[in-house]
Amino acid sequence: MARVAIVTGGSRGIGEAISIGLRDAGITVAANYAGNDEKAHAFTARTGIKTYKWDVADHDACLASVATIESELGPVDILVNNAGITRDGTMKKMSRDHWDHVIDVNLGGCFNMAKAVWAGMNDRKYGRIVNIGSINGQAGQYGQVNYAAAKSGIHGFTKALAQEGARAGITVNAIAPGYIDTDMVAAVPADVLEKIVAKIPVGRLGKAEEIARGVLFLCAEDGGFITGSTLSINGGQHMY
């Protein structure tokens, strides 16, 4: 029987590439999404990957949705925590709501989803969890104290949880993407984006498929000796 994977934020951008990459590797994929029904349905029609709607910041919804997926597809052995949002602003302008929302989705979502799959992975003595961090969680970024804090938290979360899962055959790793050619990056003003690209040694934005290849590497059946690691995929922009 094929392994079953959940990819949060799995129907768009980096998440879409990860979902497709796992599917192409013979894994049964459930792609989570939060809001855009039309795009989620189009994604399923195009890829054949089932989508499931819930907010990863909602702990109870995560538990219930994982239970639904397991009843339909089978035990979840792979979790990719990719869902993330931005609410950028300097400290002077940032509201507490914008702080809370980013922390709850980007970091809280990792806890909620890991909690939902953890007992089953422990019982089966197998699991692969990959958390999507960010270069901005490693190096910081002006106007992103909430996002940088959440992503930095993901890297610490990964290292701590890896220690808990190691003896149970559960690996927990992170990927820290640099600037990737997605809708989120496309929203950056052109003049700002030009300056960002100028600082990337390889001279271009990354591709979502390049992040997906990293996820596949960390989720491999023979990847059991890789845990607590952060794989930086950023074109050499930040060597950490």
C-alpha atoms as a PDB file:
ATOM      1  CA  MET A   1       0.000   0.000   0.000  1.00  0.00           C
ATOM      2  CA  ALA A   2       1.267   3.474  -0.884  1.00  0.00           C
ATOM      3  CA  ARG A   3       2.335   5.833   1.854  1.00  0.00           C
ATOM      4  CA  VAL A   4      -0.142   8.630   2.607  1.00  0.00           C
ATOM      5  CA  ALA A   5       1.037  12.236   2.875  1.00  0.00           C
ATOM      6  CA  ILE A   6      -0.645  15.444   3.977  1.00  0.00           C
ATOM      7  CA  VAL A   7       0.674  18.692   2.522  1.00  0.00           C
ATOM      8  CA  THR A   8      -0.737  21.802   4.177  1.00  0.00           C
ATOM      9  CA  GLY A   9      -1.214  24.709   1.825  1.00  0.00           C
ATOM     10  CA  GLY A  10      -0.813  21.977  -0.750  1.00  0.00           C
ATOM     11  CA  SER A  11      -2.819  23.265  -3.702  1.00  0.00           C
ATOM     12  CA  ARG A  12      -0.880  26.406  -4.629  1.00  0.00           C
ATOM     13  CA  GLY A  13       2.674  27.657  -5.015  1.00  0.00           C
ATOM     14  CA  ILE A  14       5.380  25.652  -3.274  1.00  0.00           C
ATOM     15  CA  GLY A  15       2.739  23.389  -1.757  1.00  0.00           C
ATOM     16  CA  GLU A  16       1.356  22.484  -5.170  1.00  0.00           C
ATOM     17  CA  ALA A  17       4.812  21.485  -6.411  1.00  0.00           C
ATOM     18  CA  ILE A  18       5.354  19.387  -3.275  1.00  0.00           C
ATOM     19  CA  SER A  19       1.990  17.645  -3.665  1.00  0.00           C
ATOM     20  CA  ILE A  20       2.685  16.820  -7.298  1.00  0.00           C
ATOM     21  CA  GLY A  21       6.227  15.664  -6.550  1.00  0.00           C
ATOM     22  CA  LEU A  22       5.024  13.285  -3.837  1.00  0.00           C
ATOM     23  CA  ARG A  23       2.227  12.006  -6.083  1.00  0.00           C
ATOM     24  CA  ASP A  24       4.704  11.324  -8.874  1.00  0.00           C
ATOM     25  CA  ALA A  25       6.819   9.340  -6.398  1.00  0.00           C
ATOM     26  CA  GLY A  26       3.887   6.976  -5.832  1.00  0.00           C
ATOM     27  CA  ILE A  27       2.622   8.517  -2.606  1.00  0.00           C
ATOM     28  CA  THR A  28      -1.084   9.120  -1.971  1.00  0.00           C
ATOM     29  CA  VAL A  29      -1.432  12.847  -1.248  1.00  0.00           C
ATOM     30  CA  ALA A  30      -4.069  14.840   0.605  1.00  0.00           C
ATOM     31  CA  ALA A  31      -3.642  18.558  -0.053  1.00  0.00           C
ATOM     32  CA  ASN A  32      -4.951  20.963   2.562  1.00  0.00           C
ATOM     33  CA  TYR A  33      -6.176  24.431   1.675  1.00  0.00           C
ATOM     34  CA  ALA A  34      -7.717  27.234   3.707  1.00  0.00           C
ATOM     35  CA  GLY A  35     -10.000  29.327   1.558  1.00  0.00           C
ATOM     36  CA  ASN A  36     -10.029  29.356  -2.228  1.00  0.00           C
ATOM     37  CA  ASP A  37     -12.502  26.659  -3.237  1.00  0.00           C
ATOM     38  CA  GLU A  38     -12.337  27.451  -6.946  1.00  0.00           C
ATOM     39  CA  LYS A  39      -8.557  27.073  -7.156  1.00  0.00           C
ATOM     40  CA  ALA A  40      -8.615  23.960  -4.991  1.00  0.00           C
ATOM     41  CA  HIS A  41     -11.187  22.289  -7.222  1.00  0.00           C
ATOM     42  CA  ALA A  42      -9.189  23.244 -10.310  1.00  0.00           C
ATOM     43  CA  PHE A  43      -6.070  21.773  -8.703  1.00  0.00           C
ATOM     44  CA  THR A  44      -7.834  18.464  -8.058  1.00  0.00           C
ATOM     45  CA  ALA A  45      -9.218  18.363 -11.600  1.00  0.00           C
ATOM     46  CA  ARG A  46      -5.748  19.002 -13.013  1.00  0.00           C
ATOM     47  CA  THR A  47      -3.746  16.664 -10.772  1.00  0.00           C
ATOM     48  CA  GLY A  48      -6.137  14.059  -9.393  1.00  0.00           C
ATOM     49  CA  ILE A  49      -4.991  14.956  -5.859  1.00  0.00           C
ATOM     50  CA  LYS A  50      -7.795  15.218  -3.306  1.00  0.00           C
ATOM     51  CA  THR A  51      -8.111  18.497  -1.427  1.00  0.00           C
ATOM     52  CA  TYR A  52      -9.419  19.057   2.073  1.00  0.00           C
ATOM     53  CA  LYS A  53     -10.396  22.428   3.525  1.00  0.00           C
ATOM     54  CA  TRP A  54      -9.529  23.498   7.048  1.00  0.00           C
ATOM     55  CA  ASP A  55      -7.592  26.181   8.919  1.00  0.00           C
ATOM     56  CA  VAL A  56      -4.307  24.820  10.276  1.00  0.00           C
ATOM     57  CA  ALA A  57      -4.469  27.423  13.061  1.00  0.00           C
ATOM     58  CA  ASP A  58      -7.572  25.624  14.407  1.00  0.00           C
ATOM     59  CA  HIS A  59      -6.350  22.773  16.601  1.00  0.00           C
ATOM     60  CA  ASP A  60      -9.630  20.869  16.691  1.00  0.00           C
ATOM     61  CA  ALA A  61     -10.070  21.205  12.922  1.00  0.00           C
ATOM     62  CA  CYS A  62      -6.617  19.685  12.398  1.00  0.00           C
ATOM     63  CA  LEU A  63      -7.425  16.692  14.579  1.00  0.00           C
ATOM     64  CA  ALA A  64     -10.783  16.139  12.875  1.00  0.00           C
ATOM     65  CA  SER A  65      -9.420  16.572   9.350  1.00  0.00           C
ATOM     66  CA  VAL A  66      -6.551  14.143   9.863  1.00  0.00           C
ATOM     67  CA  ALA A  67      -9.033  11.601  11.207  1.00  0.00           C
ATOM     68  CA  THR A  68     -11.164  12.079   8.076  1.00  0.00           C
ATOM     69  CA  ILE A  69      -8.184  11.686   5.754  1.00  0.00           C
ATOM     70  CA  GLU A  70      -7.025   8.542   7.526  1.00  0.00           C
ATOM     71  CA  SER A  71     -10.507   7.034   7.277  1.00  0.00           C
ATOM     72  CA  GLU A  72     -10.557   7.734   3.516  1.00  0.00           C
ATOM     73  CA  LEU A  73      -6.945   7.209   2.446  1.00  0.00           C
ATOM     74  CA  GLY A  74      -5.187   5.312   5.216  1.00  0.00           C
ATOM     75  CA  PRO A  75      -2.673   6.093   7.981  1.00  0.00           C
ATOM     76  CA  VAL A  76      -0.660   9.274   7.465  1.00  0.00           C
ATOM     77  CA  ASP A  77       3.072   8.527   7.377  1.00  0.00           C
ATOM     78  CA  ILE A  78       4.259  11.807   5.827  1.00  0.00           C
ATOM     79  CA  LEU A  79       3.405  15.358   6.897  1.00  0.00           C
ATOM     80  CA  VAL A  80       4.634  18.463   5.112  1.00  0.00           C
ATOM     81  CA  ASN A  81       3.865  21.623   7.079  1.00  0.00           C
ATOM     82  CA  ASN A  82       3.895  24.164   4.277  1.00  0.00           C
ATOM     83  CA  ALA A  83       0.899  26.422   4.996  1.00  0.00           C
ATOM     84  CA  GLY A  84       1.908  30.006   5.629  1.00  0.00           C
ATOM     85  CA  ILE A  85       0.726  33.590   5.387  1.00  0.00           C
ATOM     86  CA  THR A  86       2.260  37.051   5.541  1.00  0.00           C
ATOM     87  CA  ARG A  87       0.955  40.207   7.193  1.00  0.00           C
ATOM     88  CA  ASP A  88       3.961  42.457   6.727  1.00  0.00           C
ATOM     89  CA  GLY A  89       4.596  45.753   8.463  1.00  0.00           C
ATOM     90  CA  THR A  90       7.156  47.503  10.607  1.00  0.00           C
ATOM     91  CA  MET A  91       6.825  47.290  14.377  1.00  0.00           C
ATOM     92  CA  LYS A  92       5.420  50.834  14.368  1.00  0.00           C
ATOM     93  CA  LYS A  93       2.556  49.800  12.097  1.00  0.00           C
ATOM     94  CA  MET A  94       1.999  46.142  12.939  1.00  0.00           C
ATOM     95  CA  SER A  95      -1.159  45.306  14.847  1.00  0.00           C
ATOM     96  CA  ARG A  96      -1.404  42.593  17.466  1.00  0.00           C
ATOM     97  CA  ASP A  97      -3.914  40.798  15.233  1.00  0.00           C
ATOM     98  CA  HIS A  98      -1.364  40.642  12.398  1.00  0.00           C
ATOM     99  CA  TRP A  99       1.231  39.298  14.822  1.00  0.00           C
ATOM    100  CA  ASP A 100      -1.123  36.653  16.226  1.00  0.00           C
ATOM    101  CA  HIS A 101      -2.483  35.527  12.859  1.00  0.00           C
ATOM    102  CA  VAL A 102       0.952  34.870  11.351  1.00  0.00           C
ATOM    103  CA  ILE A 103       2.229  33.082  14.456  1.00  0.00           C
ATOM    104  CA  ASP A 104      -0.949  30.991  14.747  1.00  0.00           C
ATOM    105  CA  VAL A 105      -0.931  29.842  11.109  1.00  0.00           C
ATOM    106  CA  ASN A 106       2.776  29.528  10.343  1.00  0.00           C
ATOM    107  CA  LEU A 107       4.039  28.167  13.663  1.00  0.00           C
ATOM    108  CA  GLY A 108       0.912  27.069  15.492  1.00  0.00           C
ATOM    109  CA  GLY A 109      -0.140  25.119  12.417  1.00  0.00           C
ATOM    110  CA  CYS A 110       3.037  23.027  12.662  1.00  0.00           C
ATOM    111  CA  PHE A 111       2.209  22.090  16.239  1.00  0.00           C
ATOM    112  CA  ASN A 112      -1.443  21.350  15.481  1.00  0.00           C
ATOM    113  CA  MET A 113      -0.677  19.111  12.520  1.00  0.00           C
ATOM    114  CA  ALA A 114       2.222  17.299  14.183  1.00  0.00           C
ATOM    115  CA  LYS A 115       0.013  16.660  17.197  1.00  0.00           C
ATOM    116  CA  ALA A 116      -2.665  15.165  14.933  1.00  0.00           C
ATOM    117  CA  VAL A 117      -0.330  12.604  13.311  1.00  0.00           C
ATOM    118  CA  TRP A 118       2.148  11.976  16.121  1.00  0.00           C
ATOM    119  CA  ALA A 119       0.424   9.152  18.009  1.00  0.00           C
ATOM    120  CA  GLY A 120      -0.149   7.139  14.835  1.00  0.00           C
ATOM    121  CA  MET A 121       3.416   7.565  13.668  1.00  0.00           C
ATOM    122  CA  ASN A 122       4.669   6.468  17.078  1.00  0.00           C
ATOM    123  CA  ASP A 123       2.438   3.398  17.051  1.00  0.00           C
ATOM    124  CA  ARG A 124       3.673   2.375  13.583  1.00  0.00           C
ATOM    125  CA  LYS A 125       7.302   3.304  14.358  1.00  0.00           C
ATOM    126  CA  TYR A 126       7.583   5.291  11.149  1.00  0.00           C
ATOM    127  CA  GLY A 127       7.077   8.875  10.098  1.00  0.00           C
ATOM    128  CA  ARG A 128       8.448  11.695   7.998  1.00  0.00           C
ATOM    129  CA  ILE A 129       7.703  15.303   8.952  1.00  0.00           C
ATOM    130  CA  VAL A 130       9.068  18.189   6.903  1.00  0.00           C
ATOM    131  CA  ASN A 131       8.464  21.761   8.059  1.00  0.00           C
ATOM    132  CA  ILE A 132       8.850  24.616   5.581  1.00  0.00           C
ATOM    133  CA  GLY A 133      10.774  27.440   7.211  1.00  0.00           C
ATOM    134  CA  SER A 134      12.338  30.388   5.397  1.00  0.00           C
ATOM    135  CA  ILE A 135      15.538  32.243   4.718  1.00  0.00           C
ATOM    136  CA  ASN A 136      13.870  35.106   6.577  1.00  0.00           C
ATOM    137  CA  GLY A 137      13.617  32.928   9.664  1.00  0.00           C
ATOM    138  CA  GLN A 138      17.386  32.469   9.483  1.00  0.00           C
ATOM    139  CA  ALA A 139      18.530  35.962   8.511  1.00  0.00           C
ATOM    140  CA  GLY A 140      15.568  38.168   9.481  1.00  0.00           C
ATOM    141  CA  GLN A 141      13.833  40.621   7.179  1.00  0.00           C
ATOM    142  CA  TYR A 142      12.837  44.255   7.581  1.00  0.00           C
ATOM    143  CA  GLY A 143       9.090  44.622   8.077  1.00  0.00           C
ATOM    144  CA  GLN A 144       8.543  40.949   8.910  1.00  0.00           C
ATOM    145  CA  VAL A 145       9.020  40.558  12.656  1.00  0.00           C
ATOM    146  CA  ASN A 146       5.961  38.282  12.795  1.00  0.00           C
ATOM    147  CA  TYR A 147       6.873  36.125   9.798  1.00  0.00           C
ATOM    148  CA  ALA A 148      10.577  35.915  10.717  1.00  0.00           C
ATOM    149  CA  ALA A 149       9.721  34.973  14.300  1.00  0.00           C
ATOM    150  CA  ALA A 150       7.306  32.263  13.168  1.00  0.00           C
ATOM    151  CA  LYS A 151       9.726  30.788  10.654  1.00  0.00           C
ATOM    152  CA  SER A 152      12.623  30.926  13.103  1.00  0.00           C
ATOM    153  CA  GLY A 153      10.370  29.159  15.582  1.00  0.00           C
ATOM    154  CA  ILE A 154       9.794  26.408  13.023  1.00  0.00           C
ATOM    155  CA  HIS A 155      13.526  25.706  12.914  1.00  0.00           C
ATOM    156  CA  GLY A 156      13.664  25.337  16.712  1.00  0.00           C
ATOM    157  CA  PHE A 157      10.463  23.287  16.732  1.00  0.00           C
ATOM    158  CA  THR A 158      12.015  20.943  14.176  1.00  0.00           C
ATOM    159  CA  LYS A 159      15.159  20.316  16.221  1.00  0.00           C
ATOM    160  CA  ALA A 160      13.256  19.661  19.434  1.00  0.00           C
ATOM    161  CA  LEU A 161      10.618  17.397  17.910  1.00  0.00           C
ATOM    162  CA  ALA A 162      13.294  15.428  16.040  1.00  0.00           C
ATOM    163  CA  GLN A 163      14.737  14.389  19.395  1.00  0.00           C
ATOM    164  CA  GLU A 164      11.351  13.106  20.543  1.00  0.00           C
ATOM    165  CA  GLY A 165      10.711  11.098  17.391  1.00  0.00           C
ATOM    166  CA  ALA A 166      14.133   9.625  16.708  1.00  0.00           C
ATOM    167  CA  ARG A 167      13.774   6.367  18.655  1.00  0.00           C
ATOM    168  CA  ALA A 168      10.307   5.812  17.151  1.00  0.00           C
ATOM    169  CA  GLY A 169      11.520   5.968  13.562  1.00  0.00           C
ATOM    170  CA  ILE A 170      10.067   9.428  12.997  1.00  0.00           C
ATOM    171  CA  THR A 171      12.316  11.947  11.266  1.00  0.00           C
ATOM    172  CA  VAL A 172      11.612  15.659  11.584  1.00  0.00           C
ATOM    173  CA  ASN A 173      13.435  18.042   9.281  1.00  0.00           C
ATOM    174  CA  ALA A 174      13.000  21.526   7.862  1.00  0.00           C
ATOM    175  CA  ILE A 175      13.586  23.247   4.560  1.00  0.00           C
ATOM    176  CA  ALA A 176      14.417  26.945   4.487  1.00  0.00           C
ATOM    177  CA  PRO A 177      13.562  28.249   1.018  1.00  0.00           C
ATOM    178  CA  GLY A 178      15.015  31.453  -0.313  1.00  0.00           C
ATOM    179  CA  TYR A 179      13.036  33.635  -2.677  1.00  0.00           C
ATOM    180  CA  ILE A 180      10.926  31.367  -4.873  1.00  0.00           C
ATOM    181  CA  ASP A 181       8.955  32.359  -7.964  1.00  0.00           C
ATOM    182  CA  THR A 182       5.455  32.117  -6.441  1.00  0.00           C
ATOM    183  CA  ASP A 183       2.432  34.395  -6.108  1.00  0.00           C
ATOM    184  CA  MET A 184       3.665  35.533  -2.690  1.00  0.00           C
ATOM    185  CA  VAL A 185       6.969  36.758  -4.123  1.00  0.00           C
ATOM    186  CA  ALA A 186       5.250  38.147  -7.220  1.00  0.00           C
ATOM    187  CA  ALA A 187       3.399  40.541  -4.907  1.00  0.00           C
ATOM    188  CA  VAL A 188       6.710  42.210  -3.980  1.00  0.00           C
ATOM    189  CA  PRO A 189       7.150  45.558  -5.797  1.00  0.00           C
ATOM    190  CA  ALA A 190       9.266  45.147  -8.946  1.00  0.00           C
ATOM    191  CA  ASP A 191      12.015  47.518  -7.823  1.00  0.00           C
ATOM    192  CA  VAL A 192      12.337  45.717  -4.485  1.00  0.00           C
ATOM    193  CA  LEU A 193      12.343  42.297  -6.165  1.00  0.00           C
ATOM    194  CA  GLU A 194      15.110  43.426  -8.517  1.00  0.00           C
ATOM    195  CA  LYS A 195      17.283  44.294  -5.523  1.00  0.00           C
ATOM    196  CA  ILE A 196      16.540  40.927  -3.910  1.00  0.00           C
ATOM    197  CA  VAL A 197      17.522  38.975  -7.025  1.00  0.00           C
ATOM    198  CA  ALA A 198      20.729  41.002  -7.273  1.00  0.00           C
ATOM    199  CA  LYS A 199      21.766  39.553  -3.902  1.00  0.00           C
ATOM    200  CA  ILE A 200      21.206  35.912  -4.934  1.00  0.00           C
ATOM    201  CA  PRO A 201      24.512  34.428  -6.123  1.00  0.00           C
ATOM    202  CA  VAL A 202      22.887  32.186  -8.737  1.00  0.00           C
ATOM    203  CA  GLY A 203      21.210  35.284 -10.185  1.00  0.00           C
ATOM    204  CA  ARG A 204      17.565  34.183 -10.219  1.00  0.00           C
ATOM    205  CA  LEU A 205      14.572  33.261  -8.125  1.00  0.00           C
ATOM    206  CA  GLY A 206      14.161  29.633  -7.153  1.00  0.00           C
ATOM    207  CA  LYS A 207      11.504  27.336  -8.567  1.00  0.00           C
ATOM    208  CA  ALA A 208       8.844  25.628  -6.486  1.00  0.00           C
ATOM    209  CA  GLU A 209       9.910  22.303  -7.972  1.00  0.00           C
ATOM    210  CA  GLU A 210      13.375  22.784  -6.479  1.00  0.00           C
ATOM    211  CA  ILE A 211      11.838  22.912  -3.005  1.00  0.00           C
ATOM    212  CA  ALA A 212       9.745  19.843  -3.824  1.00  0.00           C
ATOM    213  CA  ARG A 213      12.881  17.884  -4.683  1.00  0.00           C
ATOM    214  CA  GLY A 214      14.259  18.690  -1.248  1.00  0.00           C
ATOM    215  CA  VAL A 215      11.070  17.447   0.381  1.00  0.00           C
ATOM    216  CA  LEU A 216      11.241  14.189  -1.575  1.00  0.00           C
ATOM    217  CA  PHE A 217      14.827  13.696  -0.417  1.00  0.00           C
ATOM    218  CA  LEU A 218      13.868  14.139   3.242  1.00  0.00           C
ATOM    219  CA  CYS A 219      10.783  11.911   2.918  1.00  0.00           C
ATOM    220  CA  ALA A 220      12.627   8.987   1.344  1.00  0.00           C
ATOM    221  CA  GLU A 221      12.147   5.528   2.818  1.00  0.00           C
ATOM    222  CA  ASP A 222      15.913   5.257   3.300  1.00  0.00           C
ATOM    223  CA  GLY A 223      16.199   8.697   4.929  1.00  0.00           C
ATOM    224  CA  GLY A 224      15.937   7.494   8.501  1.00  0.00           C
ATOM    225  CA  PHE A 225      19.358   8.806   9.579  1.00  0.00           C
ATOM    226  CA  ILE A 226      18.539  12.393   8.592  1.00  0.00           C
ATOM    227  CA  THR A 227      16.654  14.171  11.368  1.00  0.00           C
ATOM    228  CA  GLY A 228      16.758  17.548  13.087  1.00  0.00           C
ATOM    229  CA  SER A 229      18.318  19.090   9.978  1.00  0.00           C
ATOM    230  CA  THR A 230      17.489  22.260   8.081  1.00  0.00           C
ATOM    231  CA  LEU A 231      18.106  22.145   4.345  1.00  0.00           C
ATOM    232  CA  SER A 232      18.658  25.643   2.959  1.00  0.00           C
ATOM    233  CA  ILE A 233      17.569  25.998  -0.681  1.00  0.00           C
ATOM    234  CA  ASN A 234      18.242  29.638  -1.466  1.00  0.00           C
ATOM    235  CA  GLY A 235      20.673  29.953  -4.366  1.00  0.00           C
ATOM    236  CA  GLY A 236      23.513  30.748  -2.000  1.00  0.00           C
ATOM    237  CA  GLN A 237      21.886  33.918  -0.672  1.00  0.00           C
ATOM    238  CA  HIS A 238      22.326  32.970   2.977  1.00  0.00           C
ATOM    239  CA  MET A 239      24.785  30.264   4.014  1.00  0.00           C
ATOM    240  CA  TYR A 240      23.708  29.177   7.460  1.00  0.00           C
END
